[in-house]
């Protein structure tokens, strides 16, 4: 159930990016769902390999090259999905950053765990525990 909620949050985040950045366009909710699914698959399968291959450059740039990789993958997915268009590399770069921020905040707001139960008072005696 949590996986479906994350998928829906990512799709809605993608729609929000298309409203915030005019150079990123998503035609419908169906296209956003397909794109979010494909982005999730690419980010979980291809992104770790790209980060491993570009590790020296990532270390040299103190991790900032990871943003370039995210932008390139965002642009790459736009070339496959009909109805999802990105204006160029810089549009993909900023789109990936905004998408990540919106998705992270929305996931935190919607899927955060419930607060822990309150601690018992100091004079509480647990009658179910046994002591030897």
N, C-alpha and C. Protein backbone atom coordinates (compact mmCIF):
# COMPACT_ATOMS: atom_id res chain seq x y z
N UNK A 1 0.81 -1.18 0.00
CA UNK A 1 0.00 0.00 0.00
C UNK A 1 0.86 1.26 0.00
N UNK A 2 1.97 1.22 0.76
CA UNK A 2 2.87 2.36 0.82
C UNK A 2 3.51 2.64 -0.54
N UNK A 3 3.83 1.58 -1.27
CA UNK A 3 4.43 1.75 -2.59
C UNK A 3 3.47 2.46 -3.55
N UNK A 4 2.20 2.12 -3.50
CA UNK A 4 1.21 2.80 -4.34
C UNK A 4 1.06 4.27 -3.94
N UNK A 5 1.13 4.54 -2.64
CA UNK A 5 1.02 5.93 -2.18
C UNK A 5 2.22 6.75 -2.65
N UNK A 6 3.41 6.18 -2.59
CA UNK A 6 4.61 6.87 -3.07
C UNK A 6 4.51 7.11 -4.57
N UNK A 7 4.01 6.14 -5.31
CA UNK A 7 3.85 6.28 -6.75
C UNK A 7 2.88 7.41 -7.09
N UNK A 8 1.76 7.47 -6.39
CA UNK A 8 0.79 8.53 -6.61
C UNK A 8 1.35 9.90 -6.22
N UNK A 9 2.09 9.96 -5.12
CA UNK A 9 2.72 11.22 -4.71
C UNK A 9 3.71 11.68 -5.76
N UNK A 10 4.50 10.76 -6.31
CA UNK A 10 5.47 11.12 -7.34
C UNK A 10 4.78 11.61 -8.60
N UNK A 11 3.68 10.98 -8.97
CA UNK A 11 2.94 11.41 -10.17
C UNK A 11 2.35 12.80 -9.96
N UNK A 12 1.79 13.06 -8.78
CA UNK A 12 1.24 14.38 -8.50
C UNK A 12 2.36 15.42 -8.40
N UNK A 13 3.52 15.02 -7.93
CA UNK A 13 4.66 15.93 -7.90
C UNK A 13 5.11 16.29 -9.30
N UNK A 14 5.05 15.34 -10.19
CA UNK A 14 5.40 15.59 -11.58
C UNK A 14 4.42 16.57 -12.22
N UNK A 15 3.13 16.44 -11.89
CA UNK A 15 2.15 17.41 -12.38
C UNK A 15 2.42 18.79 -11.81
N UNK A 16 2.84 18.86 -10.55
CA UNK A 16 3.16 20.15 -9.94
C UNK A 16 4.37 20.79 -10.62
N UNK A 17 5.35 19.98 -10.98
CA UNK A 17 6.52 20.51 -11.69
C UNK A 17 6.11 21.11 -13.03
N UNK A 18 5.18 20.46 -13.71
CA UNK A 18 4.74 20.99 -15.00
C UNK A 18 4.00 22.32 -14.85
N UNK A 19 3.40 22.56 -13.71
CA UNK A 19 2.75 23.86 -13.47
C UNK A 19 3.77 24.92 -13.07
N UNK A 20 4.82 24.52 -12.35
CA UNK A 20 5.82 25.49 -11.88
C UNK A 20 6.84 25.86 -12.95
N UNK A 21 7.23 24.91 -13.77
CA UNK A 21 8.22 25.16 -14.82
C UNK A 21 7.55 25.05 -16.18
N UNK A 22 7.51 26.13 -16.93
CA UNK A 22 6.82 26.08 -18.23
C UNK A 22 7.52 25.21 -19.27
N UNK A 23 8.80 24.91 -19.07
CA UNK A 23 9.52 24.11 -20.06
C UNK A 23 9.37 22.61 -19.83
N UNK A 24 8.69 22.22 -18.75
CA UNK A 24 8.38 20.82 -18.49
C UNK A 24 6.87 20.67 -18.67
N UNK A 25 6.49 19.71 -19.51
CA UNK A 25 5.07 19.56 -19.83
C UNK A 25 4.62 18.12 -19.62
N UNK A 26 3.53 17.95 -18.90
CA UNK A 26 2.90 16.65 -18.69
C UNK A 26 1.46 16.79 -19.14
N UNK A 27 1.04 15.94 -20.09
CA UNK A 27 -0.27 16.10 -20.71
C UNK A 27 -1.44 15.67 -19.82
N UNK A 28 -1.28 14.61 -19.03
CA UNK A 28 -2.42 14.10 -18.25
C UNK A 28 -1.91 13.36 -17.01
N UNK A 29 -2.86 12.98 -16.17
CA UNK A 29 -2.51 12.21 -14.99
C UNK A 29 -1.98 10.83 -15.38
N UNK A 30 -2.54 10.25 -16.43
CA UNK A 30 -2.07 8.94 -16.90
C UNK A 30 -0.60 9.02 -17.32
N UNK A 31 -0.25 10.07 -18.05
CA UNK A 31 1.15 10.26 -18.47
C UNK A 31 2.03 10.47 -17.25
N UNK A 32 1.53 11.21 -16.26
CA UNK A 32 2.30 11.43 -15.03
C UNK A 32 2.53 10.11 -14.29
N UNK A 33 1.51 9.25 -14.24
CA UNK A 33 1.67 7.95 -13.58
C UNK A 33 2.70 7.08 -14.29
N UNK A 34 2.64 7.04 -15.62
CA UNK A 34 3.60 6.25 -16.39
C UNK A 34 5.01 6.81 -16.23
N UNK A 35 5.12 8.14 -16.28
CA UNK A 35 6.43 8.77 -16.14
C UNK A 35 7.00 8.55 -14.74
N UNK A 36 6.17 8.66 -13.71
CA UNK A 36 6.65 8.43 -12.35
C UNK A 36 7.12 6.99 -12.17
N UNK A 37 6.39 6.06 -12.77
CA UNK A 37 6.81 4.66 -12.69
C UNK A 37 8.14 4.44 -13.40
N UNK A 38 8.28 5.01 -14.59
CA UNK A 38 9.52 4.86 -15.35
C UNK A 38 10.68 5.58 -14.66
N UNK A 39 10.43 6.75 -14.10
CA UNK A 39 11.48 7.45 -13.35
C UNK A 39 11.93 6.63 -12.14
N UNK A 40 10.99 6.02 -11.46
CA UNK A 40 11.34 5.19 -10.32
C UNK A 40 12.18 3.99 -10.72
N UNK A 41 11.81 3.34 -11.82
CA UNK A 41 12.58 2.18 -12.29
C UNK A 41 13.98 2.58 -12.73
N UNK A 42 14.08 3.66 -13.49
CA UNK A 42 15.38 4.12 -13.99
C UNK A 42 16.26 4.57 -12.81
N UNK A 43 15.65 5.28 -11.85
CA UNK A 43 16.44 5.74 -10.71
C UNK A 43 16.90 4.60 -9.81
N UNK A 44 16.17 3.50 -9.80
CA UNK A 44 16.59 2.38 -8.96
C UNK A 44 17.51 1.40 -9.68
N UNK A 45 17.47 1.38 -11.01
CA UNK A 45 18.30 0.42 -11.76
C UNK A 45 19.53 1.05 -12.41
N UNK A 46 19.35 2.15 -13.10
CA UNK A 46 20.45 2.74 -13.87
C UNK A 46 21.24 3.77 -13.08
N UNK A 47 20.58 4.54 -12.25
CA UNK A 47 21.25 5.61 -11.51
C UNK A 47 22.41 5.12 -10.65
N UNK A 48 22.28 4.01 -9.89
CA UNK A 48 23.43 3.55 -9.11
C UNK A 48 24.64 3.20 -9.97
N UNK A 49 24.39 2.63 -11.15
CA UNK A 49 25.51 2.31 -12.04
C UNK A 49 26.19 3.57 -12.56
N UNK A 50 25.39 4.58 -12.92
CA UNK A 50 25.97 5.84 -13.39
C UNK A 50 26.76 6.54 -12.29
N UNK A 51 26.26 6.49 -11.08
CA UNK A 51 26.98 7.11 -9.97
C UNK A 51 28.29 6.38 -9.71
N UNK A 52 28.28 5.06 -9.85
CA UNK A 52 29.51 4.29 -9.66
C UNK A 52 30.53 4.60 -10.75
N UNK A 53 30.07 4.70 -11.99
CA UNK A 53 30.98 4.98 -13.10
C UNK A 53 31.56 6.39 -13.00
N UNK A 54 30.75 7.33 -12.55
CA UNK A 54 31.20 8.72 -12.47
C UNK A 54 31.68 9.10 -11.07
N UNK A 55 32.03 8.13 -10.27
CA UNK A 55 32.43 8.40 -8.89
C UNK A 55 33.61 9.37 -8.78
N UNK A 56 34.67 9.24 -9.60
CA UNK A 56 35.76 10.23 -9.48
C UNK A 56 35.30 11.66 -9.74
N UNK A 57 34.45 11.85 -10.73
CA UNK A 57 33.94 13.18 -11.03
C UNK A 57 33.00 13.67 -9.93
N UNK A 58 32.24 12.77 -9.36
CA UNK A 58 31.35 13.13 -8.26
C UNK A 58 32.15 13.55 -7.03
N UNK A 59 33.21 12.84 -6.74
CA UNK A 59 34.07 13.20 -5.60
C UNK A 59 34.76 14.54 -5.87
N UNK A 60 35.22 14.74 -7.09
CA UNK A 60 35.90 15.97 -7.46
C UNK A 60 34.99 17.19 -7.33
N UNK A 61 33.72 17.02 -7.64
CA UNK A 61 32.76 18.13 -7.55
C UNK A 61 32.00 18.14 -6.22
N UNK A 62 32.47 17.35 -5.27
CA UNK A 62 31.87 17.27 -3.93
C UNK A 62 30.40 16.87 -3.98
N UNK A 63 30.07 15.97 -4.90
CA UNK A 63 28.72 15.42 -4.99
C UNK A 63 27.77 16.18 -5.88
N UNK A 64 28.18 17.34 -6.39
CA UNK A 64 27.27 18.13 -7.22
C UNK A 64 27.00 17.49 -8.58
N UNK A 65 27.88 16.61 -9.03
CA UNK A 65 27.65 15.96 -10.32
C UNK A 65 26.44 15.03 -10.26
N UNK A 66 26.04 14.62 -9.07
CA UNK A 66 24.84 13.81 -8.92
C UNK A 66 23.60 14.56 -9.41
N UNK A 67 23.59 15.88 -9.24
CA UNK A 67 22.48 16.68 -9.77
C UNK A 67 22.44 16.62 -11.29
N UNK A 68 23.60 16.59 -11.91
CA UNK A 68 23.67 16.48 -13.38
C UNK A 68 23.14 15.12 -13.82
N UNK A 69 23.50 14.07 -13.09
CA UNK A 69 23.00 12.73 -13.41
C UNK A 69 21.48 12.69 -13.29
N UNK A 70 20.94 13.29 -12.23
CA UNK A 70 19.48 13.32 -12.06
C UNK A 70 18.82 14.06 -13.21
N UNK A 71 19.38 15.18 -13.62
CA UNK A 71 18.83 15.93 -14.75
C UNK A 71 18.90 15.15 -16.04
N UNK A 72 20.01 14.46 -16.27
CA UNK A 72 20.13 13.66 -17.49
C UNK A 72 19.13 12.51 -17.52
N UNK A 73 18.90 11.87 -16.39
CA UNK A 73 17.92 10.78 -16.34
C UNK A 73 16.49 11.31 -16.51
N UNK A 74 16.21 12.48 -15.96
CA UNK A 74 14.91 13.13 -16.14
C UNK A 74 14.68 13.42 -17.63
N UNK A 75 15.70 13.93 -18.29
CA UNK A 75 15.64 14.23 -19.72
C UNK A 75 15.53 12.95 -20.53
N UNK A 76 16.24 11.90 -20.10
CA UNK A 76 16.21 10.61 -20.78
C UNK A 76 14.81 10.00 -20.76
N UNK A 77 14.14 10.08 -19.62
CA UNK A 77 12.78 9.54 -19.52
C UNK A 77 11.83 10.33 -20.41
N UNK A 78 12.06 11.63 -20.55
CA UNK A 78 11.20 12.45 -21.41
C UNK A 78 11.30 12.03 -22.87
N UNK A 79 12.41 11.42 -23.26
CA UNK A 79 12.54 10.98 -24.65
C UNK A 79 11.75 9.70 -24.93
N UNK A 80 11.35 8.98 -23.88
CA UNK A 80 10.61 7.73 -24.05
C UNK A 80 9.10 7.88 -23.91
N UNK A 81 8.66 8.73 -23.02
CA UNK A 81 7.24 8.81 -22.70
C UNK A 81 6.58 9.86 -23.58
N UNK A 82 5.58 9.43 -24.32
CA UNK A 82 4.80 10.34 -25.16
C UNK A 82 3.87 11.15 -24.26
N UNK A 83 3.92 12.46 -24.36
CA UNK A 83 3.10 13.32 -23.53
C UNK A 83 3.87 13.95 -22.38
N UNK A 84 5.13 13.58 -22.22
CA UNK A 84 6.02 14.18 -21.22
C UNK A 84 7.18 14.82 -21.97
N UNK A 85 7.23 16.15 -21.92
CA UNK A 85 8.23 16.88 -22.70
C UNK A 85 9.06 17.77 -21.78
N UNK A 86 10.35 17.81 -22.07
CA UNK A 86 11.28 18.67 -21.34
C UNK A 86 12.01 19.50 -22.38
N UNK A 87 12.15 20.81 -22.12
CA UNK A 87 12.70 21.74 -23.09
C UNK A 87 14.17 21.60 -23.39
N UNK A 88 14.95 20.99 -22.57
CA UNK A 88 16.39 20.86 -22.79
C UNK A 88 17.06 20.40 -21.52
N UNK A 89 18.40 20.45 -21.53
CA UNK A 89 19.13 19.95 -20.37
C UNK A 89 18.86 20.78 -19.13
N UNK A 90 18.92 22.11 -19.25
CA UNK A 90 18.72 22.94 -18.06
C UNK A 90 17.31 22.84 -17.54
N UNK A 91 16.36 22.67 -18.41
CA UNK A 91 14.98 22.45 -17.97
C UNK A 91 14.88 21.12 -17.21
N UNK A 92 15.57 20.10 -17.71
CA UNK A 92 15.57 18.81 -17.03
C UNK A 92 16.31 18.90 -15.70
N UNK A 93 17.40 19.64 -15.68
CA UNK A 93 18.18 19.82 -14.45
C UNK A 93 17.31 20.45 -13.36
N UNK A 94 16.68 21.58 -13.66
CA UNK A 94 15.84 22.26 -12.67
C UNK A 94 14.56 21.47 -12.41
N UNK A 95 14.04 20.81 -13.42
CA UNK A 95 12.85 19.98 -13.22
C UNK A 95 13.11 18.83 -12.27
N UNK A 96 14.28 18.21 -12.39
CA UNK A 96 14.62 17.11 -11.49
C UNK A 96 14.79 17.60 -10.06
N UNK A 97 15.35 18.78 -9.88
CA UNK A 97 15.53 19.32 -8.54
C UNK A 97 14.17 19.65 -7.92
N UNK A 98 13.31 20.34 -8.68
CA UNK A 98 11.99 20.71 -8.16
C UNK A 98 11.15 19.46 -7.90
N UNK A 99 11.23 18.48 -8.81
CA UNK A 99 10.50 17.22 -8.64
C UNK A 99 10.94 16.51 -7.36
N UNK A 100 12.23 16.49 -7.12
CA UNK A 100 12.75 15.83 -5.92
C UNK A 100 12.30 16.55 -4.65
N UNK A 101 12.34 17.87 -4.67
CA UNK A 101 11.93 18.63 -3.49
C UNK A 101 10.44 18.44 -3.18
N UNK A 102 9.61 18.58 -4.21
CA UNK A 102 8.16 18.44 -4.00
C UNK A 102 7.82 17.03 -3.55
N UNK A 103 8.42 16.05 -4.18
CA UNK A 103 8.14 14.66 -3.84
C UNK A 103 8.60 14.34 -2.42
N UNK A 104 9.74 14.84 -2.03
CA UNK A 104 10.25 14.57 -0.68
C UNK A 104 9.37 15.20 0.38
N UNK A 105 8.99 16.46 0.18
CA UNK A 105 8.16 17.14 1.17
C UNK A 105 6.78 16.48 1.24
N UNK A 106 6.19 16.17 0.09
CA UNK A 106 4.87 15.53 0.09
C UNK A 106 4.92 14.15 0.74
N UNK A 107 5.95 13.38 0.47
CA UNK A 107 6.08 12.06 1.09
C UNK A 107 6.24 12.19 2.59
N UNK A 108 7.01 13.18 3.03
CA UNK A 108 7.20 13.37 4.46
C UNK A 108 5.89 13.76 5.13
N UNK A 109 5.12 14.63 4.48
CA UNK A 109 3.86 15.07 5.07
C UNK A 109 2.81 13.96 5.12
N UNK A 110 2.75 13.16 4.06
CA UNK A 110 1.69 12.16 3.96
C UNK A 110 2.07 10.84 4.63
N UNK A 111 3.30 10.43 4.50
CA UNK A 111 3.70 9.09 4.93
C UNK A 111 4.53 9.04 6.20
N UNK A 112 4.61 10.13 6.92
CA UNK A 112 5.42 10.09 8.14
C UNK A 112 4.79 9.13 9.15
N UNK A 113 5.63 8.47 9.94
CA UNK A 113 5.09 7.49 10.90
C UNK A 113 4.34 8.19 12.02
N UNK A 114 3.41 7.47 12.64
CA UNK A 114 2.67 8.08 13.75
C UNK A 114 3.60 8.31 14.94
N UNK A 115 3.26 9.25 15.80
CA UNK A 115 4.13 9.49 16.96
C UNK A 115 4.12 8.29 17.90
N UNK A 116 5.20 8.09 18.63
CA UNK A 116 5.25 6.95 19.56
C UNK A 116 4.25 7.15 20.69
N UNK A 117 3.80 6.06 21.29
CA UNK A 117 2.86 6.21 22.42
C UNK A 117 3.56 6.90 23.59
N UNK A 118 2.78 7.57 24.40
CA UNK A 118 3.40 8.27 25.54
C UNK A 118 3.99 7.27 26.54
N UNK A 119 5.02 7.70 27.19
CA UNK A 119 5.67 6.84 28.19
C UNK A 119 4.78 6.74 29.42
N UNK A 120 4.81 5.59 30.10
CA UNK A 120 4.00 5.46 31.31
C UNK A 120 4.54 6.38 32.41
N UNK A 121 3.68 6.74 33.35
CA UNK A 121 4.16 7.59 34.45
C UNK A 121 5.21 6.85 35.28
N UNK A 122 6.02 7.58 36.02
CA UNK A 122 7.10 6.93 36.78
C UNK A 122 6.61 5.95 37.84
N UNK A 123 5.42 6.14 38.37
CA UNK A 123 4.93 5.25 39.41
C UNK A 123 4.09 4.10 38.87
N UNK A 124 4.13 3.87 37.57
CA UNK A 124 3.36 2.81 36.93
C UNK A 124 3.96 1.45 37.26
N UNK A 125 3.10 0.49 37.64
CA UNK A 125 3.54 -0.88 37.92
C UNK A 125 2.91 -1.78 36.88
N UNK A 126 3.76 -2.47 36.14
CA UNK A 126 3.29 -3.37 35.09
C UNK A 126 2.98 -4.71 35.72
N UNK A 127 1.70 -5.08 35.76
CA UNK A 127 1.31 -6.32 36.40
C UNK A 127 1.50 -7.53 35.50
N UNK A 128 1.81 -7.31 34.23
CA UNK A 128 1.99 -8.44 33.32
C UNK A 128 3.42 -8.92 33.27
N UNK A 129 4.35 -8.16 33.81
CA UNK A 129 5.74 -8.59 33.75
C UNK A 129 6.05 -9.51 34.92
N UNK A 130 6.93 -10.44 34.68
CA UNK A 130 7.32 -11.37 35.74
C UNK A 130 8.80 -11.16 36.06
N UNK A 131 9.07 -11.21 37.28
CA UNK A 131 10.46 -11.08 37.71
C UNK A 131 10.89 -12.39 38.36
N UNK A 132 12.08 -12.77 38.07
CA UNK A 132 12.62 -14.02 38.64
C UNK A 132 13.45 -13.75 39.86
